[in-house]
Amino acid sequence: MASFIKFQPFVENLAEKVFDLGADTLKVALTNADPTASVGTLASVTEISGTNGYTTGGTQATISSSAQTSGTYKLVLADVTFTASGGSMGTFQYVVLYDDTATNNELIGYWDYGTTITITNGNSFLVDFDASNGVLQLA
C-alpha cells in the first residue's frame, strides 16, 4: 500500500480539539488531483465524479480501535472497498482520509498510489489499511 501523508493542518486541528478520532465519523474520498499538504478541508480537494458506485463525499471508514498503549496512540481502521456499478469509477490516484463530523470536513491524510486507477464496471478497489500499525500513530 502507498505511504500515509498527513495534511499539515491536521496537527493544529488535533491540538485544538477539532477531532475525536475515536468517535467521529471518518470517511475515505477519491481524487485524481494531487492534494496539497497545506490544505485543511475536503472542499479543497477535487473529488472524482459521484457516479457508477462512487458517492460524493466518499465512504465511511469503520474504526476498529482507537487507543493508546505506553504513551503511543494508534488509530486502526477497517479496510474500505469501492465497487464500480453501472460503468467505470475513477480515474483516481489519491485516497483521502477526512473527518466528516468536524465542522468543515477537516482533512487528516492521504495515500498516493503512484499511478492512476480506474475501477471497471463490476470490479472493486480495496483500501487496505494496516491492521497492525494502524492508519496513524502519535507518540
Protein backbone atom coordinates (compact mmCIF):
# COMPACT_ATOMS: atom_id res chain seq x y z
CA MET A 1 0.00 0.00 0.00
CA ALA A 2 1.03 3.59 -0.55
CA SER A 3 2.52 5.57 2.33
CA PHE A 4 0.38 7.82 4.52
CA ILE A 5 0.99 11.57 4.10
CA LYS A 6 -0.61 13.82 6.70
CA PHE A 7 -2.18 17.14 5.83
CA GLN A 8 -0.27 19.87 7.69
CA PRO A 9 -3.33 21.48 9.38
CA PHE A 10 -4.15 18.07 10.94
CA VAL A 11 -1.58 18.72 13.67
CA GLU A 12 -3.09 22.05 14.73
CA ASN A 13 -6.64 20.71 14.41
CA LEU A 14 -5.72 17.79 16.67
CA ALA A 15 -4.19 20.12 19.28
CA GLU A 16 -7.22 22.41 19.18
CA LYS A 17 -9.83 19.66 19.67
CA VAL A 18 -11.30 19.65 16.15
CA PHE A 19 -11.08 15.84 16.08
CA ASP A 20 -12.23 12.99 18.28
CA LEU A 21 -10.59 10.23 16.26
CA GLY A 22 -12.13 7.52 18.41
CA ALA A 23 -15.72 8.65 17.96
CA ASP A 24 -16.05 10.90 14.90
CA THR A 25 -17.22 9.66 11.50
CA LEU A 26 -14.15 9.25 9.32
CA LYS A 27 -14.52 8.95 5.56
CA VAL A 28 -12.38 8.00 2.59
CA ALA A 29 -12.68 10.06 -0.62
CA LEU A 30 -11.04 9.57 -4.03
CA THR A 31 -9.32 12.21 -6.16
CA ASN A 32 -7.12 12.34 -9.21
CA ALA A 33 -5.76 15.79 -8.34
CA ASP A 34 -2.56 15.78 -6.28
CA PRO A 35 -3.64 17.02 -2.82
CA THR A 36 -1.71 19.96 -1.44
CA ALA A 37 -0.40 19.05 2.03
CA SER A 38 -1.09 22.56 3.32
CA VAL A 39 -4.87 22.47 2.74
CA GLY A 40 -7.22 21.66 5.57
CA THR A 41 -10.72 20.85 4.35
CA LEU A 42 -12.39 18.46 1.92
CA ALA A 43 -13.67 21.46 -0.08
CA SER A 44 -10.01 22.00 -1.10
CA VAL A 45 -9.87 18.55 -2.72
CA THR A 46 -11.27 17.83 -6.20
CA GLU A 47 -13.09 14.52 -5.84
CA ILE A 48 -13.88 12.18 -8.71
CA SER A 49 -17.44 12.32 -10.05
CA GLY A 50 -20.14 10.88 -7.82
CA THR A 51 -21.24 8.22 -10.33
CA ASN A 52 -21.01 4.50 -11.05
CA GLY A 53 -20.83 3.44 -7.43
CA TYR A 54 -18.86 6.38 -6.02
CA THR A 55 -20.78 8.71 -3.73
CA THR A 56 -19.59 12.30 -3.49
CA GLY A 57 -18.01 12.64 -0.07
CA GLY A 58 -16.64 9.11 -0.17
CA THR A 59 -17.30 6.09 2.01
CA GLN A 60 -17.32 5.81 5.78
CA ALA A 61 -14.37 4.03 7.37
CA THR A 62 -15.16 1.86 10.39
CA ILE A 63 -12.93 2.46 13.40
CA SER A 64 -11.54 -0.90 14.55
CA SER A 65 -9.67 0.58 17.52
CA SER A 66 -8.56 3.90 18.88
CA ALA A 67 -6.35 3.59 21.92
CA GLN A 68 -3.00 4.37 23.48
CA THR A 69 -0.54 1.91 24.98
CA SER A 70 2.57 3.02 26.86
CA GLY A 71 2.13 6.59 25.63
CA THR A 72 1.60 5.80 21.94
CA TYR A 73 -1.84 6.34 20.42
CA LYS A 74 -2.83 4.18 17.44
CA LEU A 75 -5.85 4.55 15.15
CA VAL A 76 -6.84 1.36 13.32
CA LEU A 77 -9.48 1.40 10.58
CA ALA A 78 -11.20 -1.49 8.83
CA ASP A 79 -10.50 -1.76 5.11
CA VAL A 80 -12.78 0.18 2.75
CA THR A 81 -13.95 -1.23 -0.60
CA PHE A 82 -15.12 0.80 -3.59
CA THR A 83 -17.08 -1.15 -6.24
CA ALA A 84 -17.90 0.20 -9.70
CA SER A 85 -21.52 -0.27 -10.74
CA GLY A 86 -23.19 0.83 -13.98
CA GLY A 87 -19.88 1.84 -15.55
CA SER A 88 -16.29 2.59 -14.63
CA MET A 89 -15.37 4.52 -11.47
CA GLY A 90 -12.43 6.88 -11.49
CA THR A 91 -9.87 7.77 -12.63
CA PHE A 92 -8.10 8.45 -9.30
CA GLN A 93 -4.62 8.22 -7.83
CA TYR A 94 -5.10 9.55 -4.31
CA VAL A 95 -7.16 8.24 -1.39
CA VAL A 96 -8.03 10.94 1.15
CA LEU A 97 -9.00 10.40 4.80
CA TYR A 98 -11.04 13.12 6.47
CA ASP A 99 -13.27 13.75 9.48
CA ASP A 100 -16.91 14.05 8.39
CA THR A 101 -18.03 15.00 11.91
CA ALA A 102 -15.71 18.01 12.09
CA THR A 103 -17.41 21.28 11.16
CA ASN A 104 -15.60 21.79 7.86
CA ASN A 105 -14.81 18.16 6.93
CA GLU A 106 -11.21 18.65 8.06
CA LEU A 107 -8.56 16.53 6.36
CA ILE A 108 -6.33 14.00 8.12
CA GLY A 109 -4.07 12.50 5.46
CA TYR A 110 -3.86 10.79 2.10
CA TRP A 111 -2.18 7.98 0.18
CA ASP A 112 -0.59 8.38 -3.27
CA TYR A 113 -0.88 5.16 -5.27
CA GLY A 114 1.74 6.34 -7.76
CA THR A 115 -0.39 5.81 -10.86
CA THR A 116 -3.95 6.41 -11.97
CA ILE A 117 -6.55 3.77 -11.19
CA THR A 118 -9.88 3.13 -12.91
CA ILE A 119 -12.27 0.58 -11.44
CA THR A 120 -14.15 -1.04 -14.29
CA ASN A 121 -17.82 -1.98 -14.01
CA GLY A 122 -18.35 -4.84 -11.53
CA ASN A 123 -14.82 -4.67 -10.11
CA SER A 124 -13.60 -3.37 -6.77
CA PHE A 125 -10.71 -1.45 -5.24
CA LEU A 126 -9.67 -2.24 -1.66
CA VAL A 127 -8.19 0.47 0.53
CA ASP A 128 -6.13 -1.91 2.64
CA PHE A 129 -5.45 -0.18 5.95
CA ASP A 130 -2.59 -1.55 8.08
CA ALA A 131 -4.27 -3.54 10.87
CA SER A 132 -1.02 -3.93 12.84
CA ASN A 133 0.45 -0.43 12.77
CA GLY A 134 -2.80 1.42 12.21
CA VAL A 135 -3.51 4.34 9.95
CA LEU A 136 -1.51 6.62 12.19
CA GLN A 137 0.37 6.60 15.47
CA LEU A 138 1.02 9.52 17.81
CA ALA A 139 3.75 9.31 20.44
